[in-house]
Amino acid sequence: MVCNRCIASVLAIFNSENYDVESVELGKVVVVKGVNSNAENLKRTLLSTGFEIIENETDTLIEHIKVKLIHKIQLGETEDLFKILAEEFGKTETALSKLFSKHEGLTLEKYTINLKIEKVKELIQLGQLNFSEIAYTLNYKTSSHLARQFKAITGMSMSDYKSLQDWDRKPFDQIV
């Protein structure tokens, strides 16, 4: 879950399956103990709408890392991301990176760059910031560094992207 609409959808699903939900936040649902409902039916309903129940520790950690990265990038808090993640999850940056790479098939750095590029696309579409301001917002040292990265990922310049009629954007939860 990476947005308020996702949270509302998940809450509705749990309620429709007669679960007594204490709280729902990004990536986490807290259910009141002692509820007797059909867990398999809940799983099927969640899967049919694009959600899943994460049950093992590694999957949970990876999901928390993704949610935290998405949240930080959405807020423009991109400085020292990996250091902050390592401190928060009680692991070294290297350990987190290796775990993420093994589980997801791409590096944590590459995943973060992909998230940033989607944020750049969003900011370009909003049209409120110029390219230098976008680079500054996402903590790039120079706008040319962002421009090179944008072109490497998308295959086009930021100016070309801005002039498109049909913007190609991915939801943050579908970025790999």
C-alpha atoms as a PDB file:
ATOM      1  CA  MET A   1       0.000   0.000   0.000  1.00  0.00           C
ATOM      2  CA  VAL A   2       1.554   3.262  -1.007  1.00  0.00           C
ATOM      3  CA  CYS A   3      -1.246   5.825  -1.065  1.00  0.00           C
ATOM      4  CA  ASN A   4      -4.389   6.851   0.789  1.00  0.00           C
ATOM      5  CA  ARG A   5      -6.601   5.207  -1.852  1.00  0.00           C
ATOM      6  CA  CYS A   6      -4.761   1.932  -1.237  1.00  0.00           C
ATOM      7  CA  ILE A   7      -5.332   2.263   2.495  1.00  0.00           C
ATOM      8  CA  ALA A   8      -9.053   2.917   1.954  1.00  0.00           C
ATOM      9  CA  SER A   9      -9.318  -0.059  -0.412  1.00  0.00           C
ATOM     10  CA  VAL A  10      -7.569  -2.421   1.987  1.00  0.00           C
ATOM     11  CA  LEU A  11      -9.713  -1.230   4.899  1.00  0.00           C
ATOM     12  CA  ALA A  12     -12.863  -1.827   2.843  1.00  0.00           C
ATOM     13  CA  ILE A  13     -11.704  -5.349   1.980  1.00  0.00           C
ATOM     14  CA  PHE A  14     -10.942  -6.226   5.599  1.00  0.00           C
ATOM     15  CA  ASN A  15     -14.297  -4.789   6.694  1.00  0.00           C
ATOM     16  CA  SER A  16     -16.159  -6.720   3.975  1.00  0.00           C
ATOM     17  CA  GLU A  17     -14.511  -9.903   5.251  1.00  0.00           C
ATOM     18  CA  ASN A  18     -15.734  -9.081   8.798  1.00  0.00           C
ATOM     19  CA  TYR A  19     -12.325  -8.302  10.276  1.00  0.00           C
ATOM     20  CA  ASP A  20     -12.208  -5.866  13.172  1.00  0.00           C
ATOM     21  CA  VAL A  21      -9.409  -3.523  12.080  1.00  0.00           C
ATOM     22  CA  GLU A  22      -7.594  -1.479  14.691  1.00  0.00           C
ATOM     23  CA  SER A  23      -5.503   0.538  12.225  1.00  0.00           C
ATOM     24  CA  VAL A  24      -4.347   0.690   8.620  1.00  0.00           C
ATOM     25  CA  GLU A  25      -1.230   2.504   7.504  1.00  0.00           C
ATOM     26  CA  LEU A  26       1.113   2.228   4.582  1.00  0.00           C
ATOM     27  CA  GLY A  27       2.200  -1.405   4.357  1.00  0.00           C
ATOM     28  CA  LYS A  28       0.547  -2.520   7.583  1.00  0.00           C
ATOM     29  CA  VAL A  29      -2.859  -3.597   8.874  1.00  0.00           C
ATOM     30  CA  VAL A  30      -3.427  -4.206  12.568  1.00  0.00           C
ATOM     31  CA  VAL A  31      -6.345  -6.547  13.245  1.00  0.00           C
ATOM     32  CA  VAL A  32      -7.953  -6.930  16.665  1.00  0.00           C
ATOM     33  CA  LYS A  33      -7.058 -10.346  18.060  1.00  0.00           C
ATOM     34  CA  GLY A  34      -9.652 -13.080  18.319  1.00  0.00           C
ATOM     35  CA  VAL A  35     -11.436 -12.363  15.061  1.00  0.00           C
ATOM     36  CA  ASN A  36     -12.687 -15.559  13.414  1.00  0.00           C
ATOM     37  CA  SER A  37     -12.795 -14.957   9.687  1.00  0.00           C
ATOM     38  CA  ASN A  38     -11.768 -16.880   6.604  1.00  0.00           C
ATOM     39  CA  ALA A  39      -8.094 -15.982   5.992  1.00  0.00           C
ATOM     40  CA  GLU A  40      -7.995 -17.737   2.606  1.00  0.00           C
ATOM     41  CA  ASN A  41     -10.975 -15.735   1.365  1.00  0.00           C
ATOM     42  CA  LEU A  42      -9.283 -12.541   2.571  1.00  0.00           C
ATOM     43  CA  LYS A  43      -6.093 -13.480   0.686  1.00  0.00           C
ATOM     44  CA  ARG A  44      -8.065 -14.177  -2.517  1.00  0.00           C
ATOM     45  CA  THR A  45      -9.945 -10.887  -2.274  1.00  0.00           C
ATOM     46  CA  LEU A  46      -6.749  -8.930  -1.645  1.00  0.00           C
ATOM     47  CA  LEU A  47      -4.953 -10.648  -4.550  1.00  0.00           C
ATOM     48  CA  SER A  48      -7.854  -9.975  -6.910  1.00  0.00           C
ATOM     49  CA  THR A  49      -7.453  -6.239  -6.256  1.00  0.00           C
ATOM     50  CA  GLY A  50      -3.649  -6.192  -6.520  1.00  0.00           C
ATOM     51  CA  PHE A  51      -2.727  -6.547  -2.838  1.00  0.00           C
ATOM     52  CA  GLU A  52      -1.152  -9.411  -0.947  1.00  0.00           C
ATOM     53  CA  ILE A  53      -0.521 -10.528   2.598  1.00  0.00           C
ATOM     54  CA  ILE A  54       3.161 -10.624   3.417  1.00  0.00           C
ATOM     55  CA  GLU A  55       3.901 -13.308   5.930  1.00  0.00           C
ATOM     56  CA  ASN A  56       7.648 -13.870   6.192  1.00  0.00           C
ATOM     57  CA  GLU A  57      10.217 -11.624   7.843  1.00  0.00           C
ATOM     58  CA  THR A  58      12.306 -10.883   4.735  1.00  0.00           C
ATOM     59  CA  ASP A  59       9.280  -9.978   2.609  1.00  0.00           C
ATOM     60  CA  THR A  60       8.054  -7.724   5.409  1.00  0.00           C
ATOM     61  CA  LEU A  61      11.424  -5.981   5.692  1.00  0.00           C
ATOM     62  CA  ILE A  62      11.632  -5.437   1.921  1.00  0.00           C
ATOM     63  CA  GLU A  63       8.098  -4.008   1.895  1.00  0.00           C
ATOM     64  CA  HIS A  64       8.971  -1.666   4.776  1.00  0.00           C
ATOM     65  CA  ILE A  65      12.080  -0.505   2.921  1.00  0.00           C
ATOM     66  CA  LYS A  66      10.025   0.220  -0.206  1.00  0.00           C
ATOM     67  CA  VAL A  67       7.338   2.079   1.724  1.00  0.00           C
ATOM     68  CA  LYS A  68       9.939   4.144   3.578  1.00  0.00           C
ATOM     69  CA  LEU A  69      11.766   5.037   0.336  1.00  0.00           C
ATOM     70  CA  ILE A  70       8.533   6.009  -1.418  1.00  0.00           C
ATOM     71  CA  HIS A  71       7.489   8.141   1.540  1.00  0.00           C
ATOM     72  CA  LYS A  72      10.869   9.896   1.775  1.00  0.00           C
ATOM     73  CA  ILE A  73      10.995  10.602  -1.961  1.00  0.00           C
ATOM     74  CA  GLN A  74       7.420  11.890  -1.991  1.00  0.00           C
ATOM     75  CA  LEU A  75       8.411  14.329   0.772  1.00  0.00           C
ATOM     76  CA  GLY A  76      11.640  15.285  -1.014  1.00  0.00           C
ATOM     77  CA  GLU A  77      13.730  13.892   1.854  1.00  0.00           C
ATOM     78  CA  THR A  78      16.356  12.194  -0.265  1.00  0.00           C
ATOM     79  CA  GLU A  79      19.574  13.063   1.543  1.00  0.00           C
ATOM     80  CA  ASP A  80      21.393  10.141   3.204  1.00  0.00           C
ATOM     81  CA  LEU A  81      18.528   7.763   2.397  1.00  0.00           C
ATOM     82  CA  PHE A  82      20.509   4.545   2.768  1.00  0.00           C
ATOM     83  CA  LYS A  83      22.117   5.681   6.020  1.00  0.00           C
ATOM     84  CA  ILE A  84      18.693   6.545   7.440  1.00  0.00           C
ATOM     85  CA  LEU A  85      17.266   3.188   6.330  1.00  0.00           C
ATOM     86  CA  ALA A  86      20.186   1.295   7.866  1.00  0.00           C
ATOM     87  CA  GLU A  87      19.741   3.082  11.185  1.00  0.00           C
ATOM     88  CA  GLU A  88      15.978   2.602  11.195  1.00  0.00           C
ATOM     89  CA  PHE A  89      16.146  -1.120  10.410  1.00  0.00           C
ATOM     90  CA  GLY A  90      19.180  -1.832  12.606  1.00  0.00           C
ATOM     91  CA  LYS A  91      21.331  -3.150   9.767  1.00  0.00           C
ATOM     92  CA  THR A  92      24.340  -1.901   7.853  1.00  0.00           C
ATOM     93  CA  GLU A  93      23.826  -0.196   4.507  1.00  0.00           C
ATOM     94  CA  THR A  94      25.687  -3.092   2.868  1.00  0.00           C
ATOM     95  CA  ALA A  95      23.468  -5.712   4.525  1.00  0.00           C
ATOM     96  CA  LEU A  96      20.292  -3.903   3.470  1.00  0.00           C
ATOM     97  CA  SER A  97      21.573  -3.493  -0.064  1.00  0.00           C
ATOM     98  CA  LYS A  98      22.539  -7.166  -0.393  1.00  0.00           C
ATOM     99  CA  LEU A  99      19.221  -8.345   1.046  1.00  0.00           C
ATOM    100  CA  PHE A 100      17.269  -6.046  -1.255  1.00  0.00           C
ATOM    101  CA  SER A 101      19.264  -7.067  -4.345  1.00  0.00           C
ATOM    102  CA  LYS A 102      18.885 -10.770  -3.592  1.00  0.00           C
ATOM    103  CA  HIS A 103      15.145 -10.472  -2.994  1.00  0.00           C
ATOM    104  CA  GLU A 104      14.188  -7.979  -5.726  1.00  0.00           C
ATOM    105  CA  GLY A 105      16.721  -8.696  -8.462  1.00  0.00           C
ATOM    106  CA  LEU A 106      17.941  -5.103  -8.627  1.00  0.00           C
ATOM    107  CA  THR A 107      20.044  -2.988  -6.345  1.00  0.00           C
ATOM    108  CA  LEU A 108      18.580  -0.714  -3.714  1.00  0.00           C
ATOM    109  CA  GLU A 109      20.308   2.187  -5.466  1.00  0.00           C
ATOM    110  CA  LYS A 110      18.724   1.323  -8.835  1.00  0.00           C
ATOM    111  CA  TYR A 111      15.290   0.976  -7.218  1.00  0.00           C
ATOM    112  CA  THR A 112      15.729   4.376  -5.547  1.00  0.00           C
ATOM    113  CA  ILE A 113      16.783   5.969  -8.845  1.00  0.00           C
ATOM    114  CA  ASN A 114      13.692   4.500 -10.523  1.00  0.00           C
ATOM    115  CA  LEU A 115      11.508   5.994  -7.779  1.00  0.00           C
ATOM    116  CA  LYS A 116      13.193   9.371  -8.170  1.00  0.00           C
ATOM    117  CA  ILE A 117      12.693   9.344 -11.945  1.00  0.00           C
ATOM    118  CA  GLU A 118       8.966   8.678 -11.465  1.00  0.00           C
ATOM    119  CA  LYS A 119       8.876  11.598  -9.024  1.00  0.00           C
ATOM    120  CA  VAL A 120      10.661  13.731 -11.634  1.00  0.00           C
ATOM    121  CA  LYS A 121       7.985  12.778 -14.180  1.00  0.00           C
ATOM    122  CA  GLU A 122       5.305  13.814 -11.703  1.00  0.00           C
ATOM    123  CA  LEU A 123       7.000  17.156 -11.021  1.00  0.00           C
ATOM    124  CA  ILE A 124       7.446  17.814 -14.744  1.00  0.00           C
ATOM    125  CA  GLN A 125       3.748  17.128 -15.308  1.00  0.00           C
ATOM    126  CA  LEU A 126       2.746  19.504 -12.519  1.00  0.00           C
ATOM    127  CA  GLY A 127       4.727  22.229 -14.285  1.00  0.00           C
ATOM    128  CA  GLN A 128       5.401  24.195 -11.101  1.00  0.00           C
ATOM    129  CA  LEU A 129       9.194  23.755 -11.036  1.00  0.00           C
ATOM    130  CA  ASN A 130      11.884  24.117 -13.659  1.00  0.00           C
ATOM    131  CA  PHE A 131      14.418  21.340 -14.175  1.00  0.00           C
ATOM    132  CA  SER A 132      17.008  22.902 -11.848  1.00  0.00           C
ATOM    133  CA  GLU A 133      14.418  23.225  -9.081  1.00  0.00           C
ATOM    134  CA  ILE A 134      13.366  19.609  -9.589  1.00  0.00           C
ATOM    135  CA  ALA A 135      17.003  18.509  -9.298  1.00  0.00           C
ATOM    136  CA  TYR A 136      17.398  20.545  -6.112  1.00  0.00           C
ATOM    137  CA  THR A 137      14.135  19.171  -4.664  1.00  0.00           C
ATOM    138  CA  LEU A 138      15.365  15.595  -5.112  1.00  0.00           C
ATOM    139  CA  ASN A 139      18.860  16.375  -3.777  1.00  0.00           C
ATOM    140  CA  TYR A 140      20.787  16.003  -7.035  1.00  0.00           C
ATOM    141  CA  LYS A 141      24.103  17.826  -6.972  1.00  0.00           C
ATOM    142  CA  THR A 142      23.480  19.263 -10.448  1.00  0.00           C
ATOM    143  CA  SER A 143      20.595  19.388 -12.878  1.00  0.00           C
ATOM    144  CA  SER A 144      22.865  17.856 -15.539  1.00  0.00           C
ATOM    145  CA  HIS A 145      23.329  14.782 -13.328  1.00  0.00           C
ATOM    146  CA  LEU A 146      19.554  14.434 -13.107  1.00  0.00           C
ATOM    147  CA  ALA A 147      19.219  14.996 -16.855  1.00  0.00           C
ATOM    148  CA  ARG A 148      21.732  12.208 -17.621  1.00  0.00           C
ATOM    149  CA  GLN A 149      20.024   9.840 -15.203  1.00  0.00           C
ATOM    150  CA  PHE A 150      16.570  10.674 -16.584  1.00  0.00           C
ATOM    151  CA  LYS A 151      17.707   9.995 -20.138  1.00  0.00           C
ATOM    152  CA  ALA A 152      19.445   6.738 -19.142  1.00  0.00           C
ATOM    153  CA  ILE A 153      16.250   5.451 -17.500  1.00  0.00           C
ATOM    154  CA  THR A 154      13.570   6.783 -19.863  1.00  0.00           C
ATOM    155  CA  GLY A 155      15.481   7.010 -23.143  1.00  0.00           C
ATOM    156  CA  MET A 156      14.495  10.650 -23.623  1.00  0.00           C
ATOM    157  CA  SER A 157      15.449  14.061 -22.326  1.00  0.00           C
ATOM    158  CA  MET A 158      13.372  15.812 -19.702  1.00  0.00           C
ATOM    159  CA  SER A 159      12.430  18.432 -22.307  1.00  0.00           C
ATOM    160  CA  ASP A 160      11.222  15.716 -24.682  1.00  0.00           C
ATOM    161  CA  TYR A 161       9.223  14.148 -21.856  1.00  0.00           C
ATOM    162  CA  LYS A 162       7.683  17.517 -20.964  1.00  0.00           C
ATOM    163  CA  SER A 163       6.468  17.984 -24.542  1.00  0.00           C
ATOM    164  CA  LEU A 164       4.771  14.568 -24.737  1.00  0.00           C
ATOM    165  CA  GLN A 165       0.999  14.420 -25.020  1.00  0.00           C
ATOM    166  CA  ASP A 166       0.760  10.968 -23.434  1.00  0.00           C
ATOM    167  CA  TRP A 167       2.945  10.851 -20.322  1.00  0.00           C
ATOM    168  CA  ASP A 168       4.149   7.379 -19.419  1.00  0.00           C
ATOM    169  CA  ARG A 169       4.075   7.041 -15.637  1.00  0.00           C
ATOM    170  CA  LYS A 170       4.116   4.048 -13.344  1.00  0.00           C
ATOM    171  CA  PRO A 171       2.424   3.902  -9.952  1.00  0.00           C
ATOM    172  CA  PHE A 172       5.067   3.917  -7.208  1.00  0.00           C
ATOM    173  CA  ASP A 173       4.048   0.447  -6.037  1.00  0.00           C
ATOM    174  CA  GLN A 174       4.761  -0.998  -9.493  1.00  0.00           C
ATOM    175  CA  ILE A 175       8.289   0.315  -9.860  1.00  0.00           C
ATOM    176  CA  VAL A 176      11.026  -2.268 -10.206  1.00  0.00           C
END
